[in-house]
Amino acid sequence: MDVLIFLAPALVASLVLTGILAYLGVHIVERGVIFVDLALAQIAALGASMAVLLGVDMHGAEAYWISLTFTLLGAVFFSVVRSRDSRIPQEAIIGITYAVASAAAILVMSQAVGETEHLREMLVGNILVVSWEEVGTTAILCAAVGAFHYRFRRKFLLLSANPKEAEVQGLSLPWWDFLFYASFGVVVTSAVAIAGVLLVFCYLIVPSVGAMLFAKTMGRRLAIGWGMGTLVSALGIYLSLEMDLPTGAAIVCTFGAVLVLMAVARVLFLRKAC
């Protein structure tokens, strides 16, 4: 019972993150900008690094707003640079942004003596020590973003699946891209503070990719993604506790292992079906 009480905040936090990030991940995969979440997460981490350098508590409200400001600037940048006619792929720009943000975070943290642990925490996170207050704040934030996306779900789905048709219908791609990336950035900023960059990337992409192995429609992909994220989170947290492993890294590796098993299961299932 004591173990369950200890794990409860981390388990609830993983459910909250799975709920919103698995949904956003479906959009990211549809858009074909797989690493935009990693780039925005790293930009959020850069903002947190700046907060640490300025002497701000990394887990305080002030650090969150600094990190969010950096993330929203990234959202503006990605919404502006999107161009289907450009000779430079958007994914290349996203990759460069991620590399620069990562290097900048390392440079910033190198000036904060004795803060290397914060850099590691931003990368792999430590969801096991999340507080109920952080869980509650994140849940409210994710619920608000989820409501916003539900309200404009038709526009966001059209922009992700068929941007040309969205333009024909008169939608402003830069404006709606900004709204998508901004709302996405708000979630990522909070998620990175709890789970770290790598785990946020896994919550966004792996459930969506795993769901695509077995489903084509949005509803079924979400159902599979949410189920996968929930089970993997619980298993990863349990393994980290039992084997005394870093929680974020344990969940990330568990995601990878389960995705491989799902891919194998799909191959076996298709063979039997044939």
C-alpha atoms as a PDB file:
ATOM      1  CA  MET A   1       0.000   0.000   0.000  1.00  0.00           C
ATOM      2  CA  ASP A   2       2.847   2.399   0.814  1.00  0.00           C
ATOM      3  CA  VAL A   3       4.378   1.700  -2.611  1.00  0.00           C
ATOM      4  CA  LEU A   4       1.084   2.487  -4.352  1.00  0.00           C
ATOM      5  CA  ILE A   5       0.761   5.741  -2.427  1.00  0.00           C
ATOM      6  CA  PHE A   6       4.308   6.658  -3.420  1.00  0.00           C
ATOM      7  CA  LEU A   7       3.727   5.802  -7.098  1.00  0.00           C
ATOM      8  CA  ALA A   8       0.261   7.375  -7.373  1.00  0.00           C
ATOM      9  CA  PRO A   9       1.360  10.907  -8.444  1.00  0.00           C
ATOM     10  CA  ALA A  10       3.708   9.523 -11.115  1.00  0.00           C
ATOM     11  CA  LEU A  11       1.042   7.145 -12.442  1.00  0.00           C
ATOM     12  CA  VAL A  12      -1.597   9.889 -12.626  1.00  0.00           C
ATOM     13  CA  ALA A  13       0.895  12.256 -14.263  1.00  0.00           C
ATOM     14  CA  SER A  14       1.682   9.611 -16.892  1.00  0.00           C
ATOM     15  CA  LEU A  15      -2.043   9.216 -17.603  1.00  0.00           C
ATOM     16  CA  VAL A  16      -2.445  12.983 -18.023  1.00  0.00           C
ATOM     17  CA  LEU A  17       0.540  13.204 -20.361  1.00  0.00           C
ATOM     18  CA  THR A  18      -0.578  10.159 -22.332  1.00  0.00           C
ATOM     19  CA  GLY A  19      -4.038  11.623 -22.837  1.00  0.00           C
ATOM     20  CA  ILE A  20      -2.958  14.876 -24.456  1.00  0.00           C
ATOM     21  CA  LEU A  21       0.404  13.943 -25.989  1.00  0.00           C
ATOM     22  CA  ALA A  22      -0.864  10.818 -27.757  1.00  0.00           C
ATOM     23  CA  TYR A  23      -3.553  12.969 -29.396  1.00  0.00           C
ATOM     24  CA  LEU A  24      -1.090  15.678 -30.435  1.00  0.00           C
ATOM     25  CA  GLY A  25       1.259  12.967 -31.674  1.00  0.00           C
ATOM     26  CA  VAL A  26      -1.333  11.830 -34.202  1.00  0.00           C
ATOM     27  CA  HIS A  27      -1.281  15.332 -35.700  1.00  0.00           C
ATOM     28  CA  ILE A  28       2.516  15.455 -35.688  1.00  0.00           C
ATOM     29  CA  VAL A  29       2.788  12.146 -37.551  1.00  0.00           C
ATOM     30  CA  GLU A  30       0.103  13.221 -40.044  1.00  0.00           C
ATOM     31  CA  ARG A  31       1.979  16.458 -40.714  1.00  0.00           C
ATOM     32  CA  GLY A  32       5.218  14.553 -41.271  1.00  0.00           C
ATOM     33  CA  VAL A  33       7.183  16.791 -38.893  1.00  0.00           C
ATOM     34  CA  ILE A  34       8.209  14.043 -36.498  1.00  0.00           C
ATOM     35  CA  PHE A  35      10.955  15.969 -34.743  1.00  0.00           C
ATOM     36  CA  VAL A  36       9.079  19.231 -34.203  1.00  0.00           C
ATOM     37  CA  ASP A  37       8.045  18.017 -30.756  1.00  0.00           C
ATOM     38  CA  LEU A  38      11.639  17.177 -29.896  1.00  0.00           C
ATOM     39  CA  ALA A  39      12.733  20.617 -31.126  1.00  0.00           C
ATOM     40  CA  LEU A  40      10.039  22.470 -29.141  1.00  0.00           C
ATOM     41  CA  ALA A  41      10.777  20.346 -26.078  1.00  0.00           C
ATOM     42  CA  GLN A  42      14.450  21.238 -26.360  1.00  0.00           C
ATOM     43  CA  ILE A  43      13.585  24.922 -26.784  1.00  0.00           C
ATOM     44  CA  ALA A  44      11.520  24.648 -23.588  1.00  0.00           C
ATOM     45  CA  ALA A  45      14.525  23.044 -21.888  1.00  0.00           C
ATOM     46  CA  LEU A  46      16.699  25.920 -23.123  1.00  0.00           C
ATOM     47  CA  GLY A  47      14.294  28.355 -21.503  1.00  0.00           C
ATOM     48  CA  ALA A  48      14.474  26.380 -18.257  1.00  0.00           C
ATOM     49  CA  SER A  49      18.274  26.449 -18.502  1.00  0.00           C
ATOM     50  CA  MET A  50      18.196  30.218 -18.799  1.00  0.00           C
ATOM     51  CA  ALA A  51      15.970  30.363 -15.727  1.00  0.00           C
ATOM     52  CA  VAL A  52      18.469  28.262 -13.751  1.00  0.00           C
ATOM     53  CA  LEU A  53      21.325  30.502 -14.908  1.00  0.00           C
ATOM     54  CA  LEU A  54      19.374  33.526 -13.674  1.00  0.00           C
ATOM     55  CA  GLY A  55      19.028  31.903 -10.262  1.00  0.00           C
ATOM     56  CA  VAL A  56      15.353  31.040 -10.620  1.00  0.00           C
ATOM     57  CA  ASP A  57      13.922  27.878  -9.050  1.00  0.00           C
ATOM     58  CA  MET A  58      13.648  25.396 -11.916  1.00  0.00           C
ATOM     59  CA  HIS A  59      10.324  24.062 -10.603  1.00  0.00           C
ATOM     60  CA  GLY A  60       8.808  27.459  -9.813  1.00  0.00           C
ATOM     61  CA  ALA A  61       6.240  29.521 -11.713  1.00  0.00           C
ATOM     62  CA  GLU A  62       8.801  32.061 -12.910  1.00  0.00           C
ATOM     63  CA  ALA A  63      10.910  29.345 -14.550  1.00  0.00           C
ATOM     64  CA  TYR A  64       7.794  27.985 -16.267  1.00  0.00           C
ATOM     65  CA  TRP A  65       6.945  31.365 -17.795  1.00  0.00           C
ATOM     66  CA  ILE A  66      10.488  31.875 -19.028  1.00  0.00           C
ATOM     67  CA  SER A  67      10.450  28.403 -20.588  1.00  0.00           C
ATOM     68  CA  LEU A  68       7.003  29.012 -22.098  1.00  0.00           C
ATOM     69  CA  THR A  69       8.174  32.295 -23.646  1.00  0.00           C
ATOM     70  CA  PHE A  70      11.011  30.462 -25.401  1.00  0.00           C
ATOM     71  CA  THR A  71       8.590  27.767 -26.586  1.00  0.00           C
ATOM     72  CA  LEU A  72       6.080  30.258 -27.994  1.00  0.00           C
ATOM     73  CA  LEU A  73       8.862  31.987 -29.898  1.00  0.00           C
ATOM     74  CA  GLY A  74       9.679  28.573 -31.346  1.00  0.00           C
ATOM     75  CA  ALA A  75       6.012  28.127 -32.272  1.00  0.00           C
ATOM     76  CA  VAL A  76       6.053  31.448 -34.127  1.00  0.00           C
ATOM     77  CA  PHE A  77       9.214  30.418 -35.958  1.00  0.00           C
ATOM     78  CA  PHE A  78       7.869  27.019 -37.087  1.00  0.00           C
ATOM     79  CA  SER A  79       4.546  28.481 -38.234  1.00  0.00           C
ATOM     80  CA  VAL A  80       6.351  31.102 -40.332  1.00  0.00           C
ATOM     81  CA  VAL A  81       8.943  28.837 -41.982  1.00  0.00           C
ATOM     82  CA  ARG A  82       6.405  26.271 -43.178  1.00  0.00           C
ATOM     83  CA  SER A  83       6.325  26.355 -46.971  1.00  0.00           C
ATOM     84  CA  ARG A  84       5.415  23.453 -49.206  1.00  0.00           C
ATOM     85  CA  ASP A  85       7.156  25.108 -52.177  1.00  0.00           C
ATOM     86  CA  SER A  86      10.476  25.644 -50.475  1.00  0.00           C
ATOM     87  CA  ARG A  87      13.484  23.666 -51.653  1.00  0.00           C
ATOM     88  CA  ILE A  88      14.512  23.255 -48.015  1.00  0.00           C
ATOM     89  CA  PRO A  89      12.399  20.597 -46.210  1.00  0.00           C
ATOM     90  CA  GLN A  90      10.776  21.786 -43.015  1.00  0.00           C
ATOM     91  CA  GLU A  91      12.163  18.742 -41.217  1.00  0.00           C
ATOM     92  CA  ALA A  92      15.686  19.973 -41.998  1.00  0.00           C
ATOM     93  CA  ILE A  93      14.926  23.331 -40.382  1.00  0.00           C
ATOM     94  CA  ILE A  94      13.417  21.543 -37.387  1.00  0.00           C
ATOM     95  CA  GLY A  95      16.516  19.351 -37.041  1.00  0.00           C
ATOM     96  CA  ILE A  96      18.822  22.360 -37.159  1.00  0.00           C
ATOM     97  CA  THR A  97      16.683  24.134 -34.557  1.00  0.00           C
ATOM     98  CA  TYR A  98      16.877  21.125 -32.260  1.00  0.00           C
ATOM     99  CA  ALA A  99      20.660  20.887 -32.601  1.00  0.00           C
ATOM    100  CA  VAL A 100      21.165  24.605 -31.941  1.00  0.00           C
ATOM    101  CA  ALA A 101      18.768  24.612 -28.970  1.00  0.00           C
ATOM    102  CA  SER A 102      20.513  21.560 -27.497  1.00  0.00           C
ATOM    103  CA  ALA A 103      23.947  23.121 -27.878  1.00  0.00           C
ATOM    104  CA  ALA A 104      22.714  26.422 -26.473  1.00  0.00           C
ATOM    105  CA  ALA A 105      21.271  24.654 -23.412  1.00  0.00           C
ATOM    106  CA  ILE A 106      24.620  22.951 -22.797  1.00  0.00           C
ATOM    107  CA  LEU A 107      26.438  26.275 -23.119  1.00  0.00           C
ATOM    108  CA  VAL A 108      24.025  27.998 -20.746  1.00  0.00           C
ATOM    109  CA  MET A 109      24.230  25.217 -18.145  1.00  0.00           C
ATOM    110  CA  SER A 110      28.028  25.200 -18.395  1.00  0.00           C
ATOM    111  CA  GLN A 111      27.936  28.691 -16.923  1.00  0.00           C
ATOM    112  CA  ALA A 112      25.775  27.575 -14.010  1.00  0.00           C
ATOM    113  CA  VAL A 113      28.329  25.923 -11.739  1.00  0.00           C
ATOM    114  CA  GLY A 114      27.118  22.733 -10.093  1.00  0.00           C
ATOM    115  CA  GLU A 115      23.912  22.571 -12.137  1.00  0.00           C
ATOM    116  CA  THR A 116      24.757  19.592 -14.360  1.00  0.00           C
ATOM    117  CA  GLU A 117      22.099  17.566 -12.540  1.00  0.00           C
ATOM    118  CA  HIS A 118      19.470  19.993 -13.823  1.00  0.00           C
ATOM    119  CA  LEU A 119      20.663  19.393 -17.378  1.00  0.00           C
ATOM    120  CA  ARG A 120      20.334  15.629 -16.953  1.00  0.00           C
ATOM    121  CA  GLU A 121      16.898  16.064 -15.369  1.00  0.00           C
ATOM    122  CA  MET A 122      15.691  18.168 -18.306  1.00  0.00           C
ATOM    123  CA  LEU A 123      16.857  15.461 -20.702  1.00  0.00           C
ATOM    124  CA  VAL A 124      15.507  12.290 -19.078  1.00  0.00           C
ATOM    125  CA  GLY A 125      13.267  13.765 -16.388  1.00  0.00           C
ATOM    126  CA  ASN A 126      12.268  12.248 -13.071  1.00  0.00           C
ATOM    127  CA  ILE A 127       8.547  11.694 -13.161  1.00  0.00           C
ATOM    128  CA  LEU A 128       8.780   9.502 -10.060  1.00  0.00           C
ATOM    129  CA  VAL A 129       9.164  12.543  -7.788  1.00  0.00           C
ATOM    130  CA  VAL A 130       6.381  14.660  -9.303  1.00  0.00           C
ATOM    131  CA  SER A 131       4.108  16.305  -6.714  1.00  0.00           C
ATOM    132  CA  TRP A 132       0.315  16.279  -6.611  1.00  0.00           C
ATOM    133  CA  GLU A 133       0.365  20.054  -7.103  1.00  0.00           C
ATOM    134  CA  GLU A 134       2.335  19.674 -10.347  1.00  0.00           C
ATOM    135  CA  VAL A 135      -0.009  16.899 -11.477  1.00  0.00           C
ATOM    136  CA  GLY A 136      -3.085  19.040 -10.792  1.00  0.00           C
ATOM    137  CA  THR A 137      -1.699  22.093 -12.579  1.00  0.00           C
ATOM    138  CA  THR A 138      -0.651  20.026 -15.591  1.00  0.00           C
ATOM    139  CA  ALA A 139      -4.028  18.268 -15.717  1.00  0.00           C
ATOM    140  CA  ILE A 140      -5.905  21.591 -15.797  1.00  0.00           C
ATOM    141  CA  LEU A 141      -3.571  22.923 -18.471  1.00  0.00           C
ATOM    142  CA  CYS A 142      -3.923  19.809 -20.636  1.00  0.00           C
ATOM    143  CA  ALA A 143      -7.704  19.834 -20.218  1.00  0.00           C
ATOM    144  CA  ALA A 144      -7.828  23.447 -21.430  1.00  0.00           C
ATOM    145  CA  VAL A 145      -5.675  22.650 -24.480  1.00  0.00           C
ATOM    146  CA  GLY A 146      -7.751  19.542 -25.145  1.00  0.00           C
ATOM    147  CA  ALA A 147     -10.973  21.596 -25.047  1.00  0.00           C
ATOM    148  CA  PHE A 148      -9.442  24.136 -27.421  1.00  0.00           C
ATOM    149  CA  HIS A 149      -8.484  21.413 -29.896  1.00  0.00           C
ATOM    150  CA  TYR A 150     -11.889  19.776 -29.611  1.00  0.00           C
ATOM    151  CA  ARG A 151     -13.571  23.104 -30.382  1.00  0.00           C
ATOM    152  CA  PHE A 152     -11.541  23.530 -33.582  1.00  0.00           C
ATOM    153  CA  ARG A 153     -10.948  19.825 -34.293  1.00  0.00           C
ATOM    154  CA  ARG A 154     -12.189  19.966 -37.881  1.00  0.00           C
ATOM    155  CA  LYS A 155      -9.775  22.749 -38.811  1.00  0.00           C
ATOM    156  CA  PHE A 156      -6.789  21.135 -37.089  1.00  0.00           C
ATOM    157  CA  LEU A 157      -7.511  17.734 -38.641  1.00  0.00           C
ATOM    158  CA  LEU A 158      -7.883  19.270 -42.097  1.00  0.00           C
ATOM    159  CA  LEU A 159      -4.633  21.214 -41.712  1.00  0.00           C
ATOM    160  CA  SER A 160      -2.771  18.092 -40.633  1.00  0.00           C
ATOM    161  CA  ALA A 161      -4.237  15.692 -43.190  1.00  0.00           C
ATOM    162  CA  ASN A 162      -4.813  17.957 -46.214  1.00  0.00           C
ATOM    163  CA  PRO A 163      -3.253  21.448 -46.026  1.00  0.00           C
ATOM    164  CA  LYS A 164      -3.983  22.148 -49.708  1.00  0.00           C
ATOM    165  CA  GLU A 165      -7.703  21.613 -49.150  1.00  0.00           C
ATOM    166  CA  ALA A 166      -7.491  23.813 -46.049  1.00  0.00           C
ATOM    167  CA  GLU A 167      -6.104  26.637 -48.194  1.00  0.00           C
ATOM    168  CA  VAL A 168      -8.861  26.111 -50.768  1.00  0.00           C
ATOM    169  CA  GLN A 169     -11.408  26.514 -47.967  1.00  0.00           C
ATOM    170  CA  GLY A 170      -9.828  29.837 -47.030  1.00  0.00           C
ATOM    171  CA  LEU A 171      -7.946  28.869 -43.880  1.00  0.00           C
ATOM    172  CA  SER A 172      -4.800  30.841 -43.123  1.00  0.00           C
ATOM    173  CA  LEU A 173      -2.055  28.238 -42.799  1.00  0.00           C
ATOM    174  CA  PRO A 174       0.427  30.454 -40.886  1.00  0.00           C
ATOM    175  CA  TRP A 175      -2.241  31.551 -38.394  1.00  0.00           C
ATOM    176  CA  TRP A 176      -3.665  28.082 -37.699  1.00  0.00           C
ATOM    177  CA  ASP A 177      -0.187  26.571 -37.673  1.00  0.00           C
ATOM    178  CA  PHE A 178       0.759  29.103 -35.003  1.00  0.00           C
ATOM    179  CA  LEU A 179      -2.319  28.205 -32.933  1.00  0.00           C
ATOM    180  CA  PHE A 180      -1.437  24.522 -33.234  1.00  0.00           C
ATOM    181  CA  TYR A 181       2.225  24.952 -32.349  1.00  0.00           C
ATOM    182  CA  ALA A 182       1.445  27.455 -29.571  1.00  0.00           C
ATOM    183  CA  SER A 183      -1.065  25.133 -27.873  1.00  0.00           C
ATOM    184  CA  PHE A 184       1.303  22.265 -28.487  1.00  0.00           C
ATOM    185  CA  GLY A 185       4.133  24.300 -26.942  1.00  0.00           C
ATOM    186  CA  VAL A 186       2.093  25.088 -23.824  1.00  0.00           C
ATOM    187  CA  VAL A 187       1.657  21.360 -23.194  1.00  0.00           C
ATOM    188  CA  VAL A 188       5.256  20.512 -24.025  1.00  0.00           C
ATOM    189  CA  THR A 189       6.633  23.184 -21.669  1.00  0.00           C
ATOM    190  CA  SER A 190       4.723  21.707 -18.743  1.00  0.00           C
ATOM    191  CA  ALA A 191       5.456  18.119 -19.792  1.00  0.00           C
ATOM    192  CA  VAL A 192       9.209  18.689 -20.093  1.00  0.00           C
ATOM    193  CA  ALA A 193       9.309  20.080 -16.558  1.00  0.00           C
ATOM    194  CA  ILE A 194       7.789  16.817 -15.313  1.00  0.00           C
ATOM    195  CA  ALA A 195       9.056  14.123 -17.650  1.00  0.00           C
ATOM    196  CA  GLY A 196      12.081  15.476 -19.558  1.00  0.00           C
ATOM    197  CA  VAL A 197      12.716  15.907 -23.278  1.00  0.00           C
ATOM    198  CA  LEU A 198      13.189  12.249 -24.272  1.00  0.00           C
ATOM    199  CA  LEU A 199      10.109  10.958 -22.475  1.00  0.00           C
ATOM    200  CA  VAL A 200       7.921  13.719 -23.906  1.00  0.00           C
ATOM    201  CA  PHE A 201       9.121  12.737 -27.389  1.00  0.00           C
ATOM    202  CA  CYS A 202       8.181   9.107 -26.719  1.00  0.00           C
ATOM    203  CA  TYR A 203       4.720  10.017 -25.395  1.00  0.00           C
ATOM    204  CA  LEU A 204       4.082  12.036 -28.542  1.00  0.00           C
ATOM    205  CA  ILE A 205       5.408   9.715 -31.242  1.00  0.00           C
ATOM    206  CA  VAL A 206       5.564   6.092 -30.080  1.00  0.00           C
ATOM    207  CA  PRO A 207       1.843   5.588 -29.228  1.00  0.00           C
ATOM    208  CA  SER A 208       0.866   7.162 -32.551  1.00  0.00           C
ATOM    209  CA  VAL A 209       3.311   5.012 -34.534  1.00  0.00           C
ATOM    210  CA  GLY A 210       2.222   1.893 -32.639  1.00  0.00           C
ATOM    211  CA  ALA A 211      -1.428   2.697 -33.334  1.00  0.00           C
ATOM    212  CA  MET A 212      -0.727   3.169 -37.045  1.00  0.00           C
ATOM    213  CA  LEU A 213       0.383  -0.464 -37.199  1.00  0.00           C
ATOM    214  CA  PHE A 214      -3.169  -1.614 -36.468  1.00  0.00           C
ATOM    215  CA  ALA A 215      -5.561   1.249 -37.278  1.00  0.00           C
ATOM    216  CA  LYS A 216      -6.259   3.845 -39.962  1.00  0.00           C
ATOM    217  CA  THR A 217      -8.953   6.041 -38.439  1.00  0.00           C
ATOM    218  CA  MET A 218      -8.264   8.782 -35.903  1.00  0.00           C
ATOM    219  CA  GLY A 219     -10.589   7.283 -33.268  1.00  0.00           C
ATOM    220  CA  ARG A 220      -8.974   3.849 -33.327  1.00  0.00           C
ATOM    221  CA  ARG A 221      -5.473   5.298 -33.361  1.00  0.00           C
ATOM    222  CA  LEU A 222      -6.279   7.359 -30.289  1.00  0.00           C
ATOM    223  CA  ALA A 223      -7.774   4.360 -28.471  1.00  0.00           C
ATOM    224  CA  ILE A 224      -4.720   2.196 -29.187  1.00  0.00           C
ATOM    225  CA  GLY A 225      -2.309   5.045 -28.425  1.00  0.00           C
ATOM    226  CA  TRP A 226      -3.947   5.842 -25.099  1.00  0.00           C
ATOM    227  CA  GLY A 227      -4.017   2.181 -24.112  1.00  0.00           C
ATOM    228  CA  MET A 228      -0.383   1.684 -25.086  1.00  0.00           C
ATOM    229  CA  GLY A 229       0.771   4.825 -23.290  1.00  0.00           C
ATOM    230  CA  THR A 230      -1.061   3.868 -20.096  1.00  0.00           C
ATOM    231  CA  LEU A 231       0.268   0.298 -19.960  1.00  0.00           C
ATOM    232  CA  VAL A 232       3.835   1.239 -20.888  1.00  0.00           C
ATOM    233  CA  SER A 233       3.923   4.063 -18.331  1.00  0.00           C
ATOM    234  CA  ALA A 234       2.782   1.768 -15.524  1.00  0.00           C
ATOM    235  CA  LEU A 235       5.217  -0.967 -16.569  1.00  0.00           C
ATOM    236  CA  GLY A 236       8.131   1.458 -16.961  1.00  0.00           C
ATOM    237  CA  ILE A 237       7.548   3.034 -13.549  1.00  0.00           C
ATOM    238  CA  TYR A 238       7.284  -0.407 -11.946  1.00  0.00           C
ATOM    239  CA  LEU A 239      10.506  -1.617 -13.581  1.00  0.00           C
ATOM    240  CA  SER A 240      12.374   1.529 -12.584  1.00  0.00           C
ATOM    241  CA  LEU A 241      11.332   1.020  -8.973  1.00  0.00           C
ATOM    242  CA  GLU A 242      12.058  -2.700  -8.888  1.00  0.00           C
ATOM    243  CA  MET A 243      15.436  -2.461 -10.655  1.00  0.00           C
ATOM    244  CA  ASP A 244      16.469   0.919  -9.221  1.00  0.00           C
ATOM    245  CA  LEU A 245      16.703   2.566 -12.655  1.00  0.00           C
ATOM    246  CA  PRO A 246      16.161   6.187 -13.759  1.00  0.00           C
ATOM    247  CA  THR A 247      12.400   6.389 -14.280  1.00  0.00           C
ATOM    248  CA  GLY A 248      12.342   8.456 -17.466  1.00  0.00           C
ATOM    249  CA  ALA A 249      14.948   6.312 -19.199  1.00  0.00           C
ATOM    250  CA  ALA A 250      13.162   3.127 -18.080  1.00  0.00           C
ATOM    251  CA  ILE A 251       9.855   4.281 -19.580  1.00  0.00           C
ATOM    252  CA  VAL A 252      11.554   5.345 -22.831  1.00  0.00           C
ATOM    253  CA  CYS A 253      13.215   1.930 -23.222  1.00  0.00           C
ATOM    254  CA  THR A 254       9.942   0.199 -22.347  1.00  0.00           C
ATOM    255  CA  PHE A 255       8.197   2.197 -25.068  1.00  0.00           C
ATOM    256  CA  GLY A 256      10.832   1.024 -27.558  1.00  0.00           C
ATOM    257  CA  ALA A 257      10.540  -2.615 -26.514  1.00  0.00           C
ATOM    258  CA  VAL A 258       6.729  -2.608 -26.650  1.00  0.00           C
ATOM    259  CA  LEU A 259       6.760  -0.940 -30.083  1.00  0.00           C
ATOM    260  CA  VAL A 260       9.037  -3.717 -31.385  1.00  0.00           C
ATOM    261  CA  LEU A 261       6.677  -6.351 -29.941  1.00  0.00           C
ATOM    262  CA  MET A 262       3.708  -4.618 -31.590  1.00  0.00           C
ATOM    263  CA  ALA A 263       5.515  -4.598 -34.939  1.00  0.00           C
ATOM    264  CA  VAL A 264       6.292  -8.322 -34.592  1.00  0.00           C
ATOM    265  CA  ALA A 265       2.688  -9.030 -33.608  1.00  0.00           C
ATOM    266  CA  ARG A 266       1.442  -7.174 -36.673  1.00  0.00           C
ATOM    267  CA  VAL A 267       3.694  -9.226 -38.986  1.00  0.00           C
ATOM    268  CA  LEU A 268       2.518 -12.476 -37.388  1.00  0.00           C
ATOM    269  CA  PHE A 269      -1.108 -11.344 -37.507  1.00  0.00           C
ATOM    270  CA  LEU A 270      -0.915 -10.432 -41.204  1.00  0.00           C
ATOM    271  CA  ARG A 271       0.702 -13.766 -42.059  1.00  0.00           C
ATOM    272  CA  LYS A 272      -2.053 -15.663 -40.304  1.00  0.00           C
ATOM    273  CA  ALA A 273      -4.671 -13.513 -42.005  1.00  0.00           C
ATOM    274  CA  CYS A 274      -3.166 -14.399 -45.391  1.00  0.00           C
END
